[in-house]
Amino acid sequence: MVNDIPTRMVFCGRRWQVSDTPTRLRDSLWTAPLEEHRGLYGWRFQATDEDGKSLVFDVFKGADGWHVHRSYD
């Protein structure tokens, strides 16, 4: 994170560099009942690994750190 915006991460043992402008996600994305995740937020962004493969990620911040909720080809 740089200025609270994602810039890079490790996922499935690979380093990923954010390669577009991240979009902040709010409560409406998450499938859990509202009372279970009030205030939950995350980010959607494209990231590219060292081999040039790009995926789109939805990540959220939990009590124990950041988690990948979903990835898309």
N, C-alpha and C. Protein backbone atom coordinates (compact mmCIF):
# COMPACT_ATOMS: atom_id res chain seq x y z
N MET A 1 0.85 -1.18 0.00
CA MET A 1 0.00 0.00 0.00
C MET A 1 0.89 1.24 0.00
N VAL A 2 0.51 2.20 -0.81
CA VAL A 2 1.14 3.52 -0.82
C VAL A 2 0.01 4.52 -0.69
N ASN A 3 0.05 5.34 0.36
CA ASN A 3 -1.04 6.28 0.64
C ASN A 3 -2.38 5.57 0.70
N ASP A 4 -2.41 4.38 1.32
CA ASP A 4 -3.61 3.55 1.50
C ASP A 4 -4.20 3.03 0.20
N ILE A 5 -3.41 2.97 -0.87
CA ILE A 5 -3.85 2.43 -2.16
C ILE A 5 -2.92 1.27 -2.51
N PRO A 6 -3.50 0.12 -2.95
CA PRO A 6 -2.65 -1.04 -3.24
C PRO A 6 -1.70 -0.77 -4.41
N THR A 7 -0.47 -1.27 -4.26
CA THR A 7 0.53 -1.14 -5.33
C THR A 7 1.15 -2.48 -5.71
N ARG A 8 1.20 -3.41 -4.77
CA ARG A 8 1.77 -4.74 -5.07
C ARG A 8 1.31 -5.72 -4.01
N MET A 9 1.48 -7.02 -4.33
CA MET A 9 1.09 -8.05 -3.37
C MET A 9 1.74 -9.37 -3.76
N VAL A 10 1.62 -10.35 -2.86
CA VAL A 10 2.02 -11.72 -3.14
C VAL A 10 0.74 -12.54 -3.10
N PHE A 11 0.52 -13.35 -4.15
CA PHE A 11 -0.66 -14.21 -4.24
C PHE A 11 -0.23 -15.51 -4.89
N CYS A 12 -0.55 -16.63 -4.26
CA CYS A 12 -0.19 -17.96 -4.76
C CYS A 12 1.32 -18.08 -5.00
N GLY A 13 2.09 -17.47 -4.09
CA GLY A 13 3.53 -17.57 -4.17
C GLY A 13 4.18 -16.73 -5.24
N ARG A 14 3.42 -15.85 -5.88
CA ARG A 14 3.96 -15.00 -6.95
C ARG A 14 3.81 -13.53 -6.57
N ARG A 15 4.74 -12.72 -7.02
CA ARG A 15 4.67 -11.28 -6.82
C ARG A 15 3.83 -10.65 -7.92
N TRP A 16 2.93 -9.77 -7.53
CA TRP A 16 2.04 -9.08 -8.46
C TRP A 16 2.18 -7.57 -8.26
N GLN A 17 2.30 -6.85 -9.37
CA GLN A 17 2.38 -5.39 -9.34
C GLN A 17 1.07 -4.84 -9.87
N VAL A 18 0.44 -3.93 -9.13
CA VAL A 18 -0.80 -3.31 -9.60
C VAL A 18 -0.50 -2.57 -10.90
N SER A 19 -1.30 -2.87 -11.95
CA SER A 19 -1.00 -2.34 -13.28
C SER A 19 -2.15 -1.50 -13.86
N ASP A 20 -3.04 -1.01 -13.01
CA ASP A 20 -4.06 -0.04 -13.42
C ASP A 20 -4.45 0.77 -12.19
N THR A 21 -5.46 1.59 -12.30
CA THR A 21 -5.91 2.40 -11.17
C THR A 21 -6.90 1.59 -10.33
N PRO A 22 -6.58 1.30 -9.07
CA PRO A 22 -7.49 0.53 -8.21
C PRO A 22 -8.81 1.27 -7.96
N THR A 23 -9.88 0.48 -7.83
CA THR A 23 -11.20 1.00 -7.51
C THR A 23 -11.59 0.53 -6.12
N ARG A 24 -11.96 1.46 -5.25
CA ARG A 24 -12.37 1.10 -3.90
C ARG A 24 -13.75 0.44 -3.96
N LEU A 25 -13.90 -0.68 -3.28
CA LEU A 25 -15.17 -1.42 -3.22
C LEU A 25 -15.80 -1.19 -1.85
N ARG A 26 -17.10 -1.04 -1.85
CA ARG A 26 -17.86 -0.81 -0.61
C ARG A 26 -18.71 -2.02 -0.29
N ASP A 27 -19.58 -1.89 0.72
CA ASP A 27 -20.40 -2.99 1.21
C ASP A 27 -21.19 -3.75 0.15
N SER A 28 -21.61 -3.09 -0.91
CA SER A 28 -22.51 -3.72 -1.87
C SER A 28 -21.89 -4.93 -2.58
N LEU A 29 -20.59 -5.05 -2.61
CA LEU A 29 -19.94 -6.16 -3.31
C LEU A 29 -20.01 -7.47 -2.53
N TRP A 30 -19.91 -7.39 -1.22
CA TRP A 30 -19.72 -8.59 -0.42
C TRP A 30 -21.02 -9.36 -0.25
N THR A 31 -20.91 -10.68 -0.27
CA THR A 31 -22.09 -11.53 -0.25
C THR A 31 -22.56 -11.87 1.16
N ALA A 32 -21.78 -11.60 2.17
CA ALA A 32 -22.20 -11.89 3.55
C ALA A 32 -23.30 -10.90 3.96
N PRO A 33 -24.16 -11.31 4.89
CA PRO A 33 -25.19 -10.38 5.38
C PRO A 33 -24.56 -9.09 5.92
N LEU A 34 -25.23 -7.99 5.70
CA LEU A 34 -24.71 -6.67 6.05
C LEU A 34 -24.23 -6.59 7.49
N GLU A 35 -24.99 -7.17 8.43
CA GLU A 35 -24.60 -7.06 9.84
C GLU A 35 -23.27 -7.76 10.13
N GLU A 36 -22.85 -8.69 9.27
CA GLU A 36 -21.59 -9.41 9.49
C GLU A 36 -20.38 -8.65 8.97
N HIS A 37 -20.61 -7.69 8.10
CA HIS A 37 -19.45 -7.04 7.50
C HIS A 37 -19.58 -5.52 7.40
N ARG A 38 -20.40 -4.94 8.23
CA ARG A 38 -20.57 -3.48 8.19
C ARG A 38 -19.21 -2.80 8.25
N GLY A 39 -18.99 -1.89 7.33
CA GLY A 39 -17.74 -1.16 7.28
C GLY A 39 -16.64 -1.87 6.49
N LEU A 40 -16.91 -3.08 6.03
CA LEU A 40 -15.92 -3.80 5.24
C LEU A 40 -15.70 -3.08 3.93
N TYR A 41 -14.47 -2.98 3.53
CA TYR A 41 -14.18 -2.40 2.23
C TYR A 41 -13.02 -3.15 1.61
N GLY A 42 -12.83 -2.92 0.37
CA GLY A 42 -11.74 -3.57 -0.34
C GLY A 42 -11.39 -2.79 -1.59
N TRP A 43 -10.68 -3.47 -2.46
CA TRP A 43 -10.22 -2.87 -3.70
C TRP A 43 -10.38 -3.86 -4.84
N ARG A 44 -10.61 -3.35 -6.03
CA ARG A 44 -10.54 -4.14 -7.26
C ARG A 44 -9.46 -3.49 -8.12
N PHE A 45 -8.57 -4.34 -8.62
CA PHE A 45 -7.50 -3.83 -9.46
C PHE A 45 -6.95 -4.94 -10.34
N GLN A 46 -6.33 -4.52 -11.42
CA GLN A 46 -5.58 -5.44 -12.27
C GLN A 46 -4.15 -5.46 -11.75
N ALA A 47 -3.55 -6.64 -11.71
CA ALA A 47 -2.15 -6.77 -11.32
C ALA A 47 -1.48 -7.72 -12.29
N THR A 48 -0.19 -7.52 -12.48
CA THR A 48 0.60 -8.29 -13.44
C THR A 48 1.77 -8.92 -12.71
N ASP A 49 2.01 -10.22 -13.00
CA ASP A 49 3.13 -10.90 -12.35
C ASP A 49 4.41 -10.72 -13.17
N GLU A 50 5.50 -11.30 -12.70
CA GLU A 50 6.81 -11.14 -13.34
C GLU A 50 6.87 -11.77 -14.73
N ASP A 51 5.96 -12.72 -15.03
CA ASP A 51 5.92 -13.35 -16.35
C ASP A 51 5.02 -12.60 -17.32
N GLY A 52 4.38 -11.52 -16.87
CA GLY A 52 3.51 -10.73 -17.73
C GLY A 52 2.05 -11.16 -17.71
N LYS A 53 1.70 -12.13 -16.86
CA LYS A 53 0.30 -12.54 -16.75
C LYS A 53 -0.46 -11.53 -15.90
N SER A 54 -1.63 -11.11 -16.39
CA SER A 54 -2.45 -10.14 -15.66
C SER A 54 -3.76 -10.77 -15.23
N LEU A 55 -4.19 -10.46 -14.01
CA LEU A 55 -5.48 -10.87 -13.47
C LEU A 55 -6.12 -9.65 -12.81
N VAL A 56 -7.43 -9.72 -12.64
CA VAL A 56 -8.15 -8.71 -11.85
C VAL A 56 -8.44 -9.34 -10.50
N PHE A 57 -8.20 -8.60 -9.43
CA PHE A 57 -8.37 -9.08 -8.07
C PHE A 57 -9.37 -8.23 -7.32
N ASP A 58 -10.20 -8.89 -6.50
CA ASP A 58 -11.01 -8.22 -5.48
C ASP A 58 -10.37 -8.61 -4.15
N VAL A 59 -9.91 -7.64 -3.38
CA VAL A 59 -9.27 -7.91 -2.10
C VAL A 59 -10.01 -7.16 -1.00
N PHE A 60 -9.99 -7.71 0.21
CA PHE A 60 -10.63 -7.04 1.33
C PHE A 60 -9.73 -7.12 2.55
N LYS A 61 -9.91 -6.17 3.46
CA LYS A 61 -9.13 -6.14 4.68
C LYS A 61 -9.92 -6.80 5.80
N GLY A 62 -9.37 -7.87 6.36
CA GLY A 62 -9.97 -8.54 7.50
C GLY A 62 -9.21 -8.19 8.77
N ALA A 63 -9.60 -8.78 9.86
CA ALA A 63 -8.96 -8.51 11.15
C ALA A 63 -7.48 -8.89 11.15
N ASP A 64 -7.13 -9.90 10.35
CA ASP A 64 -5.74 -10.38 10.34
C ASP A 64 -4.97 -10.01 9.08
N GLY A 65 -5.43 -9.00 8.34
CA GLY A 65 -4.70 -8.54 7.15
C GLY A 65 -5.56 -8.58 5.90
N TRP A 66 -4.92 -8.39 4.77
CA TRP A 66 -5.61 -8.35 3.48
C TRP A 66 -5.78 -9.75 2.91
N HIS A 67 -6.92 -9.98 2.22
CA HIS A 67 -7.24 -11.29 1.64
C HIS A 67 -7.76 -11.11 0.22
N VAL A 68 -7.44 -12.06 -0.64
CA VAL A 68 -8.03 -12.09 -1.99
C VAL A 68 -9.39 -12.75 -1.88
N HIS A 69 -10.44 -12.01 -2.24
CA HIS A 69 -11.79 -12.55 -2.23
C HIS A 69 -12.07 -13.30 -3.53
N ARG A 70 -11.57 -12.77 -4.63
CA ARG A 70 -11.81 -13.37 -5.94
C ARG A 70 -10.75 -12.85 -6.91
N SER A 71 -10.39 -13.69 -7.88
CA SER A 71 -9.54 -13.26 -8.98
C SER A 71 -10.19 -13.67 -10.30
N TYR A 72 -9.95 -12.85 -11.33
CA TYR A 72 -10.57 -13.06 -12.63
C TYR A 72 -9.50 -13.04 -13.70
N ASP A 73 -9.66 -13.93 -14.71
CA ASP A 73 -8.77 -13.88 -15.89
C ASP A 73 -9.08 -12.70 -16.75
